[in-house]
């Protein structure tokens, strides 16, 4: 990242969808994000007129580039599934938001952008009434950096889930490591809000 870049954080809105889809598919693999998915996911982050989704924009003078985003579902806008362990959370299910996706362009990693996006999202979810946030972190990220970053931000491991994204890979998601037969492992983690 060039030191002359100024990073601006703002709510995720439809004006950023094209850039978010492009970055999401570049980082996570083709088919990870579509217009339909992103429209749904963004709507799930809004509750009490508060938006939990955020983007990071690098500004170089008059030029702007989307370099990161965070998608979070409000506590009442997602359902616990077979990949969740609510008995281990020690917080009521309806008081937990879901950290769906955090993505930062490779050339902008290591500068605190992911952490800042998570902080903004957590603050918004807390205003919505959430007491904690649940996430499934990609354990096969380079050097397991996703789990390391989330742990550094206060995340606690709940349980590991092999093959978490296998069904999605068979329905069009092309994992950057496994292709259309993903066997990557997810770390179910929780961050408790203070």
N, C-alpha and C. Protein backbone atom coordinates (compact mmCIF):
# COMPACT_ATOMS: atom_id res chain seq x y z
N UNK A 1 0.85 -1.18 0.00
CA UNK A 1 0.00 0.00 0.00
C UNK A 1 0.89 1.24 0.00
N UNK A 2 0.54 2.19 -0.78
CA UNK A 2 1.27 3.46 -0.83
C UNK A 2 0.88 4.29 0.39
N UNK A 3 1.86 4.89 1.03
CA UNK A 3 1.58 5.69 2.21
C UNK A 3 0.73 6.92 1.90
N UNK A 4 0.66 7.30 0.63
CA UNK A 4 -0.14 8.46 0.28
C UNK A 4 -1.64 8.16 0.24
N UNK A 5 -2.02 6.89 0.40
CA UNK A 5 -3.44 6.52 0.38
C UNK A 5 -4.10 6.91 1.70
N UNK A 6 -5.28 7.47 1.60
CA UNK A 6 -6.08 7.80 2.76
C UNK A 6 -7.25 6.81 2.75
N UNK A 7 -7.45 6.07 3.84
CA UNK A 7 -8.51 5.07 3.88
C UNK A 7 -9.76 5.67 4.52
N UNK A 8 -10.86 5.60 3.79
CA UNK A 8 -12.15 6.10 4.24
C UNK A 8 -13.06 4.90 4.47
N UNK A 9 -13.77 4.90 5.58
CA UNK A 9 -14.71 3.82 5.90
C UNK A 9 -16.13 4.36 5.83
N UNK A 10 -17.00 3.61 5.17
CA UNK A 10 -18.39 4.03 5.04
C UNK A 10 -19.29 2.81 4.95
N UNK A 11 -20.58 3.02 5.14
CA UNK A 11 -21.54 1.91 5.10
C UNK A 11 -21.58 1.26 3.72
N UNK A 12 -21.81 -0.04 3.73
CA UNK A 12 -21.98 -0.80 2.49
C UNK A 12 -23.37 -0.49 1.93
N UNK A 13 -23.39 0.08 0.72
CA UNK A 13 -24.63 0.42 0.04
C UNK A 13 -24.53 -0.08 -1.41
N UNK A 14 -25.66 -0.12 -2.14
CA UNK A 14 -25.62 -0.62 -3.52
C UNK A 14 -24.63 0.07 -4.45
N UNK A 15 -24.27 1.30 -4.19
CA UNK A 15 -23.31 1.98 -5.07
C UNK A 15 -21.95 1.27 -5.10
N UNK A 16 -21.66 0.44 -4.07
CA UNK A 16 -20.38 -0.27 -4.00
C UNK A 16 -20.48 -1.74 -4.44
N UNK A 17 -21.67 -2.21 -4.78
CA UNK A 17 -21.87 -3.64 -5.04
C UNK A 17 -20.94 -4.18 -6.13
N UNK A 18 -20.82 -3.50 -7.23
CA UNK A 18 -19.99 -4.00 -8.33
C UNK A 18 -18.55 -4.21 -7.87
N UNK A 19 -18.02 -3.25 -7.14
CA UNK A 19 -16.64 -3.36 -6.65
C UNK A 19 -16.50 -4.44 -5.58
N UNK A 20 -17.50 -4.58 -4.71
CA UNK A 20 -17.47 -5.59 -3.66
C UNK A 20 -17.50 -6.99 -4.29
N UNK A 21 -18.36 -7.19 -5.29
CA UNK A 21 -18.45 -8.49 -5.96
C UNK A 21 -17.11 -8.83 -6.62
N UNK A 22 -16.52 -7.86 -7.30
CA UNK A 22 -15.24 -8.09 -7.97
C UNK A 22 -14.16 -8.48 -6.96
N UNK A 23 -14.03 -7.74 -5.87
CA UNK A 23 -13.02 -8.04 -4.86
C UNK A 23 -13.31 -9.37 -4.16
N UNK A 24 -14.58 -9.61 -3.81
CA UNK A 24 -14.94 -10.86 -3.14
C UNK A 24 -14.61 -12.08 -3.97
N UNK A 25 -14.91 -12.04 -5.25
CA UNK A 25 -14.62 -13.18 -6.13
C UNK A 25 -13.13 -13.33 -6.41
N UNK A 26 -12.42 -12.22 -6.42
CA UNK A 26 -10.96 -12.27 -6.61
C UNK A 26 -10.30 -12.95 -5.41
N UNK A 27 -10.73 -12.61 -4.22
CA UNK A 27 -10.11 -13.12 -3.00
C UNK A 27 -10.60 -14.53 -2.64
N UNK A 28 -11.91 -14.76 -2.74
CA UNK A 28 -12.50 -16.02 -2.26
C UNK A 28 -12.75 -17.06 -3.35
N UNK A 29 -12.80 -16.65 -4.59
CA UNK A 29 -13.04 -17.57 -5.70
C UNK A 29 -14.32 -17.20 -6.44
N UNK A 30 -14.32 -17.51 -7.73
CA UNK A 30 -15.47 -17.19 -8.58
C UNK A 30 -16.75 -17.80 -8.02
N UNK A 31 -17.82 -17.03 -8.09
CA UNK A 31 -19.12 -17.51 -7.62
C UNK A 31 -19.36 -17.26 -6.15
N UNK A 32 -18.35 -16.74 -5.44
CA UNK A 32 -18.55 -16.46 -4.01
C UNK A 32 -19.62 -15.39 -3.83
N UNK A 33 -19.54 -14.33 -4.62
CA UNK A 33 -20.52 -13.25 -4.55
C UNK A 33 -21.20 -13.04 -5.89
N UNK A 34 -22.50 -12.81 -5.84
CA UNK A 34 -23.29 -12.42 -7.00
C UNK A 34 -24.12 -11.21 -6.59
N UNK A 35 -24.72 -10.56 -7.55
CA UNK A 35 -25.59 -9.42 -7.25
C UNK A 35 -26.72 -9.85 -6.32
N UNK A 36 -27.31 -10.99 -6.60
CA UNK A 36 -28.42 -11.50 -5.78
C UNK A 36 -27.98 -11.78 -4.34
N UNK A 37 -26.85 -12.47 -4.18
CA UNK A 37 -26.34 -12.77 -2.83
C UNK A 37 -26.03 -11.48 -2.08
N UNK A 38 -25.32 -10.58 -2.74
CA UNK A 38 -24.90 -9.35 -2.06
C UNK A 38 -26.10 -8.49 -1.67
N UNK A 39 -27.11 -8.43 -2.51
CA UNK A 39 -28.33 -7.69 -2.17
C UNK A 39 -28.97 -8.27 -0.91
N UNK A 40 -29.08 -9.58 -0.86
CA UNK A 40 -29.65 -10.27 0.30
C UNK A 40 -28.79 -10.07 1.54
N UNK A 41 -27.49 -10.29 1.40
CA UNK A 41 -26.59 -10.19 2.54
C UNK A 41 -26.55 -8.78 3.12
N UNK A 42 -26.58 -7.78 2.26
CA UNK A 42 -26.56 -6.39 2.74
C UNK A 42 -27.85 -6.08 3.51
N UNK A 43 -28.98 -6.52 2.98
CA UNK A 43 -30.27 -6.30 3.66
C UNK A 43 -30.29 -6.97 5.03
N UNK A 44 -29.67 -8.11 5.15
CA UNK A 44 -29.63 -8.83 6.44
C UNK A 44 -28.84 -8.07 7.51
N UNK A 45 -28.01 -7.15 7.08
CA UNK A 45 -27.20 -6.38 8.03
C UNK A 45 -27.88 -5.14 8.57
N UNK A 46 -29.08 -4.85 8.08
CA UNK A 46 -29.76 -3.62 8.49
C UNK A 46 -30.89 -3.95 9.45
N UNK A 47 -30.85 -3.30 10.60
CA UNK A 47 -31.89 -3.45 11.63
C UNK A 47 -31.98 -2.15 12.41
N UNK A 48 -33.18 -1.75 12.73
CA UNK A 48 -33.39 -0.50 13.48
C UNK A 48 -32.73 0.68 12.77
N UNK A 49 -32.74 0.62 11.43
CA UNK A 49 -32.14 1.65 10.57
C UNK A 49 -30.63 1.79 10.77
N UNK A 50 -30.02 0.75 11.30
CA UNK A 50 -28.57 0.72 11.50
C UNK A 50 -27.99 -0.35 10.59
N UNK A 51 -26.94 0.01 9.83
CA UNK A 51 -26.30 -0.89 8.87
C UNK A 51 -25.01 -1.44 9.47
N UNK A 52 -24.88 -2.77 9.47
CA UNK A 52 -23.67 -3.43 9.99
C UNK A 52 -22.62 -3.68 8.92
N UNK A 53 -22.93 -3.38 7.66
CA UNK A 53 -21.98 -3.61 6.57
C UNK A 53 -21.17 -2.37 6.29
N UNK A 54 -19.87 -2.57 6.04
CA UNK A 54 -18.97 -1.44 5.80
C UNK A 54 -17.99 -1.75 4.67
N UNK A 55 -17.50 -0.70 4.04
CA UNK A 55 -16.47 -0.81 3.03
C UNK A 55 -15.31 0.11 3.38
N UNK A 56 -14.13 -0.24 2.87
CA UNK A 56 -12.93 0.59 3.02
C UNK A 56 -12.54 1.08 1.63
N UNK A 57 -12.39 2.38 1.50
CA UNK A 57 -12.05 3.01 0.23
C UNK A 57 -10.69 3.70 0.38
N UNK A 58 -9.76 3.35 -0.51
CA UNK A 58 -8.46 4.04 -0.54
C UNK A 58 -8.60 5.23 -1.48
N UNK A 59 -8.21 6.40 -0.98
CA UNK A 59 -8.27 7.62 -1.80
C UNK A 59 -6.85 8.08 -2.08
N UNK A 60 -6.58 8.29 -3.37
CA UNK A 60 -5.31 8.85 -3.83
C UNK A 60 -5.67 10.13 -4.58
N UNK A 61 -5.70 11.24 -3.91
CA UNK A 61 -6.15 12.48 -4.54
C UNK A 61 -7.60 12.33 -4.96
N UNK A 62 -7.89 12.45 -6.24
CA UNK A 62 -9.27 12.33 -6.74
C UNK A 62 -9.64 10.87 -7.04
N UNK A 63 -8.66 9.98 -7.07
CA UNK A 63 -8.90 8.57 -7.40
C UNK A 63 -9.32 7.79 -6.15
N UNK A 64 -10.33 6.91 -6.33
CA UNK A 64 -10.82 6.07 -5.24
C UNK A 64 -10.81 4.61 -5.67
N UNK A 65 -10.50 3.72 -4.72
CA UNK A 65 -10.49 2.28 -5.00
C UNK A 65 -11.02 1.54 -3.77
N UNK A 66 -12.01 0.66 -3.97
CA UNK A 66 -12.52 -0.15 -2.87
C UNK A 66 -11.47 -1.22 -2.56
N UNK A 67 -11.01 -1.26 -1.31
CA UNK A 67 -9.92 -2.18 -0.93
C UNK A 67 -10.34 -3.18 0.16
N UNK A 68 -11.56 -3.05 0.67
CA UNK A 68 -12.01 -3.99 1.69
C UNK A 68 -13.48 -3.82 1.99
N UNK A 69 -14.06 -4.89 2.54
CA UNK A 69 -15.45 -4.82 2.97
C UNK A 69 -15.73 -5.82 4.09
N UNK A 70 -16.75 -5.52 4.87
CA UNK A 70 -17.21 -6.38 5.96
C UNK A 70 -18.72 -6.51 5.81
N UNK A 71 -19.21 -7.75 5.73
CA UNK A 71 -20.63 -8.03 5.69
C UNK A 71 -21.00 -8.73 6.99
N UNK A 72 -21.98 -8.19 7.69
CA UNK A 72 -22.45 -8.74 8.95
C UNK A 72 -23.97 -8.79 8.95
N UNK A 73 -24.52 -9.90 9.42
CA UNK A 73 -25.98 -10.04 9.53
C UNK A 73 -26.42 -9.61 10.93
N UNK A 74 -27.47 -8.82 11.01
CA UNK A 74 -28.06 -8.44 12.30
C UNK A 74 -28.53 -9.71 13.02
N UNK A 75 -28.58 -9.65 14.34
CA UNK A 75 -28.92 -10.83 15.14
C UNK A 75 -30.21 -11.51 14.72
N UNK A 76 -31.22 -10.73 14.32
CA UNK A 76 -32.51 -11.32 13.96
C UNK A 76 -32.61 -11.70 12.48
N UNK A 77 -31.53 -11.51 11.72
CA UNK A 77 -31.60 -11.75 10.28
C UNK A 77 -30.75 -12.93 9.79
N UNK A 78 -30.51 -13.88 10.66
CA UNK A 78 -29.81 -15.09 10.23
C UNK A 78 -30.28 -16.25 11.11
N UNK A 79 -30.08 -17.47 10.63
CA UNK A 79 -30.53 -18.64 11.37
C UNK A 79 -29.36 -19.54 11.71
N UNK A 80 -29.38 -20.05 12.90
CA UNK A 80 -28.40 -21.04 13.33
C UNK A 80 -28.60 -22.29 12.49
N UNK A 81 -27.49 -22.86 12.00
CA UNK A 81 -27.59 -24.08 11.19
C UNK A 81 -26.68 -25.17 11.78
N UNK A 82 -26.47 -26.23 11.01
CA UNK A 82 -25.69 -27.37 11.51
C UNK A 82 -24.22 -27.04 11.75
N UNK A 83 -23.77 -25.88 11.27
CA UNK A 83 -22.38 -25.47 11.45
C UNK A 83 -22.21 -24.57 12.68
N UNK A 84 -23.26 -24.44 13.48
CA UNK A 84 -23.23 -23.58 14.67
C UNK A 84 -23.39 -24.42 15.93
N UNK A 85 -22.80 -23.93 17.01
CA UNK A 85 -22.82 -24.63 18.30
C UNK A 85 -23.32 -23.70 19.39
N UNK A 86 -24.61 -23.29 19.34
CA UNK A 86 -25.11 -22.27 20.25
C UNK A 86 -25.00 -22.62 21.74
N UNK A 87 -25.01 -23.89 22.08
CA UNK A 87 -24.87 -24.26 23.50
C UNK A 87 -23.50 -23.88 24.04
N UNK A 88 -22.51 -23.76 23.16
CA UNK A 88 -21.16 -23.39 23.58
C UNK A 88 -20.94 -21.88 23.62
N UNK A 89 -21.88 -21.11 23.06
CA UNK A 89 -21.71 -19.66 23.01
C UNK A 89 -21.89 -18.98 24.37
N UNK A 90 -22.79 -19.53 25.19
CA UNK A 90 -23.13 -18.95 26.50
C UNK A 90 -23.77 -17.57 26.37
N UNK A 91 -24.39 -17.33 25.23
CA UNK A 91 -25.16 -16.12 24.96
C UNK A 91 -26.35 -16.56 24.12
N UNK A 92 -27.51 -15.98 24.37
CA UNK A 92 -28.71 -16.35 23.62
C UNK A 92 -28.51 -16.16 22.12
N UNK A 93 -29.02 -17.10 21.32
CA UNK A 93 -28.89 -17.05 19.87
C UNK A 93 -29.38 -15.72 19.30
N UNK A 94 -30.50 -15.22 19.82
CA UNK A 94 -31.08 -13.98 19.28
C UNK A 94 -30.34 -12.72 19.71
N UNK A 95 -29.23 -12.89 20.42
CA UNK A 95 -28.39 -11.76 20.82
C UNK A 95 -27.03 -11.81 20.12
N UNK A 96 -26.92 -12.70 19.11
CA UNK A 96 -25.66 -12.84 18.38
C UNK A 96 -25.84 -12.45 16.91
N UNK A 97 -25.05 -11.50 16.46
CA UNK A 97 -25.03 -11.20 15.03
C UNK A 97 -24.14 -12.24 14.35
N UNK A 98 -24.07 -12.20 13.03
CA UNK A 98 -23.24 -13.15 12.30
C UNK A 98 -22.28 -12.40 11.39
N UNK A 99 -20.99 -12.55 11.65
CA UNK A 99 -19.96 -11.94 10.81
C UNK A 99 -19.80 -12.81 9.57
N UNK A 100 -20.47 -12.44 8.49
CA UNK A 100 -20.52 -13.26 7.29
C UNK A 100 -19.21 -13.25 6.51
N UNK A 101 -18.66 -12.07 6.29
CA UNK A 101 -17.49 -12.00 5.41
C UNK A 101 -16.67 -10.74 5.69
N UNK A 102 -15.36 -10.92 5.76
CA UNK A 102 -14.43 -9.81 5.86
C UNK A 102 -13.38 -10.01 4.77
N UNK A 103 -13.21 -9.04 3.91
CA UNK A 103 -12.30 -9.19 2.78
C UNK A 103 -11.49 -7.92 2.60
N UNK A 104 -10.17 -8.10 2.48
CA UNK A 104 -9.27 -6.98 2.22
C UNK A 104 -8.38 -7.36 1.05
N UNK A 105 -8.23 -6.45 0.10
CA UNK A 105 -7.36 -6.67 -1.04
C UNK A 105 -5.96 -7.02 -0.54
N UNK A 106 -5.34 -7.99 -1.20
CA UNK A 106 -4.04 -8.51 -0.77
C UNK A 106 -2.99 -7.42 -0.58
N UNK A 107 -2.96 -6.44 -1.46
CA UNK A 107 -1.95 -5.39 -1.36
C UNK A 107 -2.20 -4.39 -0.23
N UNK A 108 -3.34 -4.52 0.45
CA UNK A 108 -3.67 -3.61 1.54
C UNK A 108 -3.73 -4.33 2.89
N UNK A 109 -3.32 -5.57 2.94
CA UNK A 109 -3.37 -6.32 4.19
C UNK A 109 -2.21 -5.92 5.10
N UNK A 110 -2.44 -6.05 6.40
CA UNK A 110 -1.40 -5.75 7.37
C UNK A 110 -1.39 -4.30 7.83
N UNK A 111 -2.40 -3.54 7.44
CA UNK A 111 -2.46 -2.13 7.82
C UNK A 111 -3.64 -1.82 8.73
N UNK A 112 -4.30 -2.87 9.25
CA UNK A 112 -5.40 -2.66 10.20
C UNK A 112 -6.76 -2.43 9.57
N UNK A 113 -6.88 -2.60 8.26
CA UNK A 113 -8.17 -2.36 7.60
C UNK A 113 -9.21 -3.37 8.04
N UNK A 114 -8.86 -4.65 8.05
CA UNK A 114 -9.79 -5.69 8.49
C UNK A 114 -10.24 -5.48 9.92
N UNK A 115 -9.31 -5.11 10.77
CA UNK A 115 -9.63 -4.85 12.18
C UNK A 115 -10.60 -3.67 12.31
N UNK A 116 -10.35 -2.61 11.57
CA UNK A 116 -11.22 -1.43 11.63
C UNK A 116 -12.61 -1.76 11.12
N UNK A 117 -12.70 -2.53 10.02
CA UNK A 117 -14.01 -2.94 9.50
C UNK A 117 -14.77 -3.77 10.54
N UNK A 118 -14.06 -4.67 11.22
CA UNK A 118 -14.69 -5.48 12.27
C UNK A 118 -15.16 -4.61 13.43
N UNK A 119 -14.36 -3.64 13.83
CA UNK A 119 -14.75 -2.74 14.92
C UNK A 119 -16.01 -1.97 14.57
N UNK A 120 -16.06 -1.42 13.37
CA UNK A 120 -17.23 -0.65 12.94
C UNK A 120 -18.48 -1.52 12.91
N UNK A 121 -18.33 -2.72 12.39
CA UNK A 121 -19.44 -3.65 12.30
C UNK A 121 -19.92 -4.06 13.69
N UNK A 122 -18.98 -4.33 14.58
CA UNK A 122 -19.33 -4.71 15.97
C UNK A 122 -20.07 -3.58 16.68
N UNK A 123 -19.60 -2.35 16.50
CA UNK A 123 -20.26 -1.21 17.13
C UNK A 123 -21.69 -1.06 16.62
N UNK A 124 -21.89 -1.24 15.31
CA UNK A 124 -23.24 -1.14 14.73
C UNK A 124 -24.13 -2.26 15.26
N UNK A 125 -23.61 -3.49 15.31
CA UNK A 125 -24.39 -4.63 15.80
C UNK A 125 -24.77 -4.43 17.26
N UNK A 126 -23.86 -3.88 18.03
CA UNK A 126 -24.14 -3.61 19.45
C UNK A 126 -25.27 -2.59 19.58
N UNK A 127 -25.28 -1.57 18.73
CA UNK A 127 -26.37 -0.58 18.74
C UNK A 127 -27.70 -1.23 18.36
N UNK A 128 -27.64 -2.27 17.54
CA UNK A 128 -28.85 -3.01 17.16
C UNK A 128 -29.35 -3.90 18.30
N UNK A 129 -28.51 -4.14 19.31
CA UNK A 129 -28.90 -4.97 20.45
C UNK A 129 -28.14 -6.26 20.60
N UNK A 130 -27.19 -6.54 19.71
CA UNK A 130 -26.40 -7.77 19.81
C UNK A 130 -25.42 -7.69 21.00
N UNK A 131 -25.17 -8.85 21.58
CA UNK A 131 -24.21 -8.94 22.68
C UNK A 131 -22.92 -9.65 22.27
N UNK A 132 -22.97 -10.28 21.09
CA UNK A 132 -21.80 -11.00 20.58
C UNK A 132 -21.96 -11.21 19.09
N UNK A 133 -20.88 -11.65 18.45
CA UNK A 133 -20.91 -11.97 17.04
C UNK A 133 -20.27 -13.33 16.79
N UNK A 134 -20.88 -14.10 15.92
CA UNK A 134 -20.40 -15.43 15.54
C UNK A 134 -19.80 -15.34 14.14
N UNK A 135 -18.76 -16.13 13.88
CA UNK A 135 -18.16 -16.18 12.55
C UNK A 135 -17.62 -17.58 12.29
N UNK A 136 -17.48 -17.88 11.01
CA UNK A 136 -16.79 -19.09 10.58
C UNK A 136 -15.57 -18.63 9.79
N UNK A 137 -14.39 -18.82 10.35
CA UNK A 137 -13.16 -18.34 9.75
C UNK A 137 -12.49 -19.44 8.93
N UNK A 138 -11.96 -19.04 7.80
CA UNK A 138 -11.31 -19.95 6.86
C UNK A 138 -9.94 -20.34 7.39
N UNK A 139 -9.80 -21.58 7.87
CA UNK A 139 -8.54 -22.03 8.46
C UNK A 139 -7.43 -22.22 7.42
N UNK A 140 -7.80 -22.35 6.14
CA UNK A 140 -6.79 -22.52 5.10
C UNK A 140 -6.30 -21.19 4.51
N UNK A 141 -6.71 -20.08 5.12
CA UNK A 141 -6.18 -18.80 4.65
C UNK A 141 -4.66 -18.83 4.83
N UNK A 142 -3.91 -18.04 4.04
CA UNK A 142 -2.45 -18.07 4.15
C UNK A 142 -1.98 -17.90 5.59
N UNK A 143 -1.21 -18.86 6.06
CA UNK A 143 -0.70 -18.89 7.43
C UNK A 143 -1.81 -18.85 8.48
N UNK A 144 -3.02 -19.32 8.10
CA UNK A 144 -4.19 -19.29 8.98
C UNK A 144 -4.42 -17.87 9.51
N UNK A 145 -4.17 -16.88 8.65
CA UNK A 145 -4.24 -15.47 9.05
C UNK A 145 -5.65 -15.04 9.45
N UNK A 146 -6.69 -15.65 8.87
CA UNK A 146 -8.06 -15.27 9.22
C UNK A 146 -8.33 -15.55 10.70
N UNK A 147 -7.95 -16.74 11.15
CA UNK A 147 -8.17 -17.10 12.56
C UNK A 147 -7.28 -16.26 13.46
N UNK A 148 -6.04 -16.03 13.04
CA UNK A 148 -5.11 -15.22 13.84
C UNK A 148 -5.64 -13.80 14.02
N UNK A 149 -6.11 -13.20 12.92
CA UNK A 149 -6.63 -11.83 13.00
C UNK A 149 -7.86 -11.76 13.90
N UNK A 150 -8.77 -12.72 13.74
CA UNK A 150 -10.01 -12.71 14.53
C UNK A 150 -9.70 -12.93 16.02
N UNK A 151 -8.74 -13.81 16.30
CA UNK A 151 -8.31 -14.05 17.69
C UNK A 151 -7.71 -12.78 18.28
N UNK A 152 -6.88 -12.10 17.49
CA UNK A 152 -6.26 -10.84 17.94
C UNK A 152 -7.32 -9.78 18.26
N UNK A 153 -8.45 -9.85 17.57
CA UNK A 153 -9.55 -8.89 17.79
C UNK A 153 -10.49 -9.33 18.92
N UNK A 154 -10.14 -10.38 19.64
CA UNK A 154 -10.95 -10.82 20.78
C UNK A 154 -11.76 -12.07 20.53
N UNK A 155 -11.62 -12.68 19.36
CA UNK A 155 -12.38 -13.88 19.05
C UNK A 155 -11.91 -15.10 19.83
N UNK A 156 -12.87 -15.94 20.19
CA UNK A 156 -12.58 -17.18 20.90
C UNK A 156 -13.06 -18.34 20.05
N UNK A 157 -12.23 -19.40 19.96
CA UNK A 157 -12.61 -20.59 19.20
C UNK A 157 -13.73 -21.33 19.92
N UNK A 158 -14.78 -21.67 19.17
CA UNK A 158 -15.90 -22.45 19.71
C UNK A 158 -15.76 -23.90 19.27
N UNK A 159 -15.55 -24.10 17.96
CA UNK A 159 -15.48 -25.45 17.41
C UNK A 159 -14.95 -25.39 15.98
N UNK A 160 -14.30 -26.46 15.51
CA UNK A 160 -13.85 -26.54 14.12
C UNK A 160 -14.81 -27.40 13.31
N UNK A 161 -15.02 -27.01 12.04
CA UNK A 161 -15.97 -27.69 11.16
C UNK A 161 -15.31 -28.01 9.82
N UNK A 162 -14.87 -29.27 9.60
CA UNK A 162 -14.35 -29.66 8.29
C UNK A 162 -15.46 -29.60 7.23
N UNK A 163 -15.08 -29.32 5.99
CA UNK A 163 -15.99 -29.33 4.84
C UNK A 163 -17.13 -28.32 4.93
N UNK A 164 -16.96 -27.25 5.65
CA UNK A 164 -18.02 -26.25 5.85
C UNK A 164 -18.58 -25.73 4.52
N UNK A 165 -17.74 -25.51 3.54
CA UNK A 165 -18.18 -24.90 2.29
C UNK A 165 -18.34 -25.90 1.14
N UNK A 166 -18.34 -27.21 1.46
CA UNK A 166 -18.42 -28.22 0.41
C UNK A 166 -19.70 -28.14 -0.41
N UNK A 167 -20.84 -28.00 0.24
CA UNK A 167 -22.11 -27.94 -0.50
C UNK A 167 -22.16 -26.71 -1.40
N UNK A 168 -21.70 -25.57 -0.90
CA UNK A 168 -21.68 -24.35 -1.73
C UNK A 168 -20.78 -24.53 -2.95
N UNK A 169 -19.67 -25.25 -2.78
CA UNK A 169 -18.75 -25.46 -3.90
C UNK A 169 -19.39 -26.33 -4.98
N UNK A 170 -20.27 -27.21 -4.59
CA UNK A 170 -20.97 -28.06 -5.56
C UNK A 170 -22.09 -27.31 -6.27
N UNK A 171 -22.46 -26.13 -5.72
CA UNK A 171 -23.53 -25.33 -6.30
C UNK A 171 -23.01 -24.08 -7.02
N UNK A 172 -21.73 -24.07 -7.36
CA UNK A 172 -21.21 -22.97 -8.17
C UNK A 172 -20.05 -22.20 -7.58
N UNK A 173 -19.83 -22.31 -6.26
CA UNK A 173 -18.69 -21.61 -5.66
C UNK A 173 -17.41 -22.35 -6.03
N UNK A 174 -16.43 -21.63 -6.55
CA UNK A 174 -15.17 -22.21 -6.98
C UNK A 174 -14.08 -21.81 -6.00
N UNK A 175 -13.86 -22.64 -4.97
CA UNK A 175 -12.86 -22.36 -3.94
C UNK A 175 -11.49 -22.17 -4.59
N UNK A 176 -10.75 -21.17 -4.15
CA UNK A 176 -9.45 -20.89 -4.77
C UNK A 176 -8.43 -21.99 -4.48
N UNK A 177 -8.70 -22.84 -3.49
CA UNK A 177 -7.79 -23.96 -3.19
C UNK A 177 -8.30 -25.30 -3.70
N UNK A 178 -9.61 -25.53 -3.58
CA UNK A 178 -10.18 -26.86 -3.84
C UNK A 178 -11.03 -26.93 -5.11
N UNK A 179 -11.34 -25.82 -5.71
CA UNK A 179 -12.23 -25.82 -6.86
C UNK A 179 -13.67 -26.09 -6.44
N UNK A 180 -14.36 -26.91 -7.21
CA UNK A 180 -15.79 -27.17 -6.95
C UNK A 180 -16.02 -28.36 -6.04
N UNK A 181 -15.02 -28.74 -5.27
CA UNK A 181 -15.16 -29.79 -4.25
C UNK A 181 -14.37 -29.36 -3.03
N UNK A 182 -14.86 -28.30 -2.38
CA UNK A 182 -14.14 -27.67 -1.27
C UNK A 182 -14.15 -28.53 -0.01
N UNK A 183 -12.97 -28.71 0.55
CA UNK A 183 -12.83 -29.43 1.82
C UNK A 183 -12.13 -28.56 2.87
N UNK A 184 -12.20 -27.26 2.69
CA UNK A 184 -11.61 -26.35 3.66
C UNK A 184 -12.34 -26.44 4.99
N UNK A 185 -11.61 -26.12 6.05
CA UNK A 185 -12.14 -26.20 7.41
C UNK A 185 -12.48 -24.82 7.94
N UNK A 186 -13.58 -24.73 8.67
CA UNK A 186 -14.01 -23.47 9.27
C UNK A 186 -13.81 -23.52 10.79
N UNK A 187 -13.31 -22.44 11.33
CA UNK A 187 -13.21 -22.27 12.78
C UNK A 187 -14.41 -21.44 13.21
N UNK A 188 -15.35 -22.04 13.92
CA UNK A 188 -16.47 -21.29 14.47
C UNK A 188 -15.93 -20.49 15.66
N UNK A 189 -16.10 -19.18 15.61
CA UNK A 189 -15.54 -18.32 16.66
C UNK A 189 -16.59 -17.31 17.11
N UNK A 190 -16.38 -16.79 18.31
CA UNK A 190 -17.29 -15.79 18.89
C UNK A 190 -16.48 -14.61 19.42
N UNK A 191 -17.02 -13.43 19.24
CA UNK A 191 -16.51 -12.22 19.89
C UNK A 191 -17.63 -11.70 20.77
N UNK A 192 -17.33 -11.55 22.03
CA UNK A 192 -18.30 -11.01 22.99
C UNK A 192 -18.12 -9.50 23.06
N UNK A 193 -19.20 -8.76 22.93
CA UNK A 193 -19.12 -7.30 22.97
C UNK A 193 -19.07 -6.83 24.41
N UNK A 194 -18.31 -5.79 24.63
CA UNK A 194 -18.17 -5.26 26.00
C UNK A 194 -19.07 -4.08 26.19
